[in-house]
Each structure stands twice: as structure tokens, then as C-alpha cells.
Amino acid sequence: MILDFQMNHLTTVEMIEPTLWRVVARSDDNLFSGEVLLDVKLPVLDIRHARLNVKNDILGLTPDLSLAEGKLIGVRVGPGMTKIVRGVVGGQEGSERMAELVLEAMEMLVN
């Protein structure tokens, strides 16, 4: 028996306006495909727009995250963001995998 499993991660950061940056993080594998889009305003580094999109979830483990999208607006990229994101997107009511993808996007902006 041959088992085939592939996983890809891609995070991009682009400047939309001089003070507005867009971060897109994608994660794809054979069982799950998700995308996080964040628009972050400089210099305060707060999230102005968030979109959490689960394209494919074969196991059906990811709940509806539309409420979490709204709660991410206004979150500041900086100290305390890990606790906030894990509380809003992750936990028993959310998806730890999507929370990690949001944190990856936020950390990439800082780097």
C-alpha cells in the first residue's frame, strides 16, 4: 500500500496603500484547505478586515468562523495577539488549525 500525503503553506505580504498591508496565508493538504486574509493598517498595526475561508475540510472538524472574523477586526498585531487569536479563533468552539494560520499571517507581517 502506498500512502500519498502532500502539504503546502504559503504566506504573502503586499502593500495595498502606503499605510495598508494585506497578508494572505494559505494551508493546503489532502484533508484540509484554508485561507486567511488580513488587511492591517500602519502604523498602529491593527486589523481592519479579516476573512477566514475554509475551502476543503474532509473530516468536517472546522465550525463556521464567520463570527470570529468580526471579532478579529481591531486586534493589534503585537503583544497579546497570541492569547486573543487563540481565544477568538481557536478553542473548543473554533479551529486551532485556523488560529495557527492567523498567527502565522500576523507574525509574517512583523517579520
Protein backbone atom coordinates (compact mmCIF):
# COMPACT_ATOMS: atom_id res chain seq x y z
CA MET A 1 0.00 0.00 0.00
CA ILE A 2 1.33 3.42 -0.95
CA LEU A 3 0.22 6.40 1.08
CA ASP A 4 0.34 9.81 -0.60
CA PHE A 5 0.10 12.92 1.57
CA GLN A 6 1.09 16.41 0.49
CA MET A 7 1.12 19.64 2.48
CA ASN A 8 1.79 23.20 1.33
CA HIS A 9 1.94 26.50 3.24
CA LEU A 10 2.22 29.92 1.61
CA THR A 11 2.13 33.35 3.23
CA THR A 12 2.37 36.58 1.25
CA VAL A 13 2.51 40.21 2.36
CA GLU A 14 1.76 43.06 -0.03
CA MET A 15 1.30 46.81 0.30
CA ILE A 16 -2.14 47.92 -0.94
CA GLU A 17 -1.73 51.58 0.06
CA PRO A 18 1.17 53.35 1.80
CA THR A 19 -0.41 52.63 5.21
CA LEU A 20 -2.41 49.46 4.43
CA TRP A 21 -0.90 45.98 4.08
CA ARG A 22 -2.60 42.74 3.04
CA VAL A 23 -1.41 39.41 4.43
CA VAL A 24 -2.65 36.16 2.88
CA ALA A 25 -1.79 32.80 4.46
CA ARG A 26 -2.81 29.52 2.86
CA SER A 27 -2.53 25.96 4.06
CA ASP A 28 -3.38 23.02 1.81
CA ASP A 29 -3.08 19.29 2.27
CA ASN A 30 -5.06 16.21 1.26
CA LEU A 31 -7.59 16.62 4.09
CA PHE A 32 -7.80 20.38 4.69
CA SER A 33 -7.50 23.61 2.74
CA GLY A 34 -7.83 27.02 4.41
CA GLU A 35 -7.01 30.66 3.74
CA VAL A 36 -6.66 33.70 5.98
CA LEU A 37 -6.75 37.25 4.59
CA LEU A 38 -5.91 40.18 6.87
CA ASP A 39 -5.76 43.88 6.00
CA VAL A 40 -3.60 45.66 8.56
CA LYS A 41 -3.34 49.44 8.99
CA LEU A 42 0.02 51.03 9.76
CA PRO A 43 1.49 52.46 11.97
CA VAL A 44 -0.84 51.16 14.70
CA LEU A 45 -0.83 47.62 13.23
CA ASP A 46 -4.50 46.90 13.85
CA ILE A 47 -6.61 44.59 11.71
CA ARG A 48 -9.11 46.46 9.54
CA HIS A 49 -10.51 43.49 7.57
CA ALA A 50 -10.35 39.74 8.17
CA ARG A 51 -11.54 36.78 6.14
CA LEU A 52 -11.24 33.16 7.27
CA ASN A 53 -12.07 30.79 4.44
CA VAL A 54 -12.11 27.00 4.78
CA LYS A 55 -12.13 25.67 1.23
CA ASN A 56 -11.95 21.96 1.99
CA ASP A 57 -12.40 20.07 5.26
CA ILE A 58 -12.81 16.37 4.54
CA LEU A 59 -13.07 15.42 8.22
CA GLY A 60 -15.59 18.20 8.97
CA LEU A 61 -13.77 19.43 12.07
CA THR A 62 -13.87 23.17 11.35
CA PRO A 63 -17.00 25.05 12.52
CA ASP A 64 -18.38 28.25 10.97
CA LEU A 65 -15.85 31.00 11.72
CA SER A 66 -17.86 34.00 10.46
CA LEU A 67 -18.28 35.39 14.00
CA ALA A 68 -14.55 35.06 14.62
CA GLU A 69 -13.85 37.18 11.50
CA GLY A 70 -15.72 40.10 13.03
CA LYS A 71 -14.01 39.72 16.40
CA LEU A 72 -10.56 39.92 14.76
CA ILE A 73 -11.23 43.44 13.48
CA GLY A 74 -9.41 45.89 15.74
CA VAL A 75 -6.97 43.33 17.14
CA ARG A 76 -3.47 44.80 17.26
CA VAL A 77 -0.54 42.90 15.79
CA GLY A 78 1.85 42.87 18.73
CA PRO A 79 1.98 41.85 22.38
CA GLY A 80 -1.02 39.79 23.46
CA MET A 81 -2.08 38.78 19.96
CA THR A 82 -1.46 35.07 20.55
CA LYS A 83 -3.84 34.88 23.52
CA ILE A 84 -6.52 36.92 21.72
CA VAL A 85 -6.36 34.91 18.49
CA ARG A 86 -6.41 31.56 20.29
CA GLY A 87 -9.42 32.73 22.30
CA VAL A 88 -11.33 34.12 19.31
CA VAL A 89 -10.48 31.66 16.52
CA GLY A 90 -9.24 28.59 18.41
CA GLY A 91 -10.52 26.72 21.43
CA GLN A 92 -13.39 24.27 21.69
CA GLU A 93 -15.76 26.46 19.68
CA GLY A 94 -13.25 27.19 16.92
CA SER A 95 -10.37 25.73 14.96
CA GLU A 96 -6.82 25.51 16.28
CA ARG A 97 -5.55 24.99 12.76
CA MET A 98 -7.11 28.25 11.54
CA ALA A 99 -5.87 30.05 14.69
CA GLU A 100 -2.32 28.96 13.87
CA LEU A 101 -2.78 30.20 10.30
CA VAL A 102 -3.95 33.61 11.58
CA LEU A 103 -0.94 33.82 13.90
CA GLU A 104 1.39 32.85 11.07
CA ALA A 105 -0.05 35.68 8.96
CA MET A 106 0.36 38.19 11.80
CA GLU A 107 3.92 37.11 12.54
CA MET A 108 4.87 37.33 8.86
CA LEU A 109 3.78 40.98 8.82
CA VAL A 110 6.03 41.75 11.74
CA ASN A 111 8.99 39.97 10.11
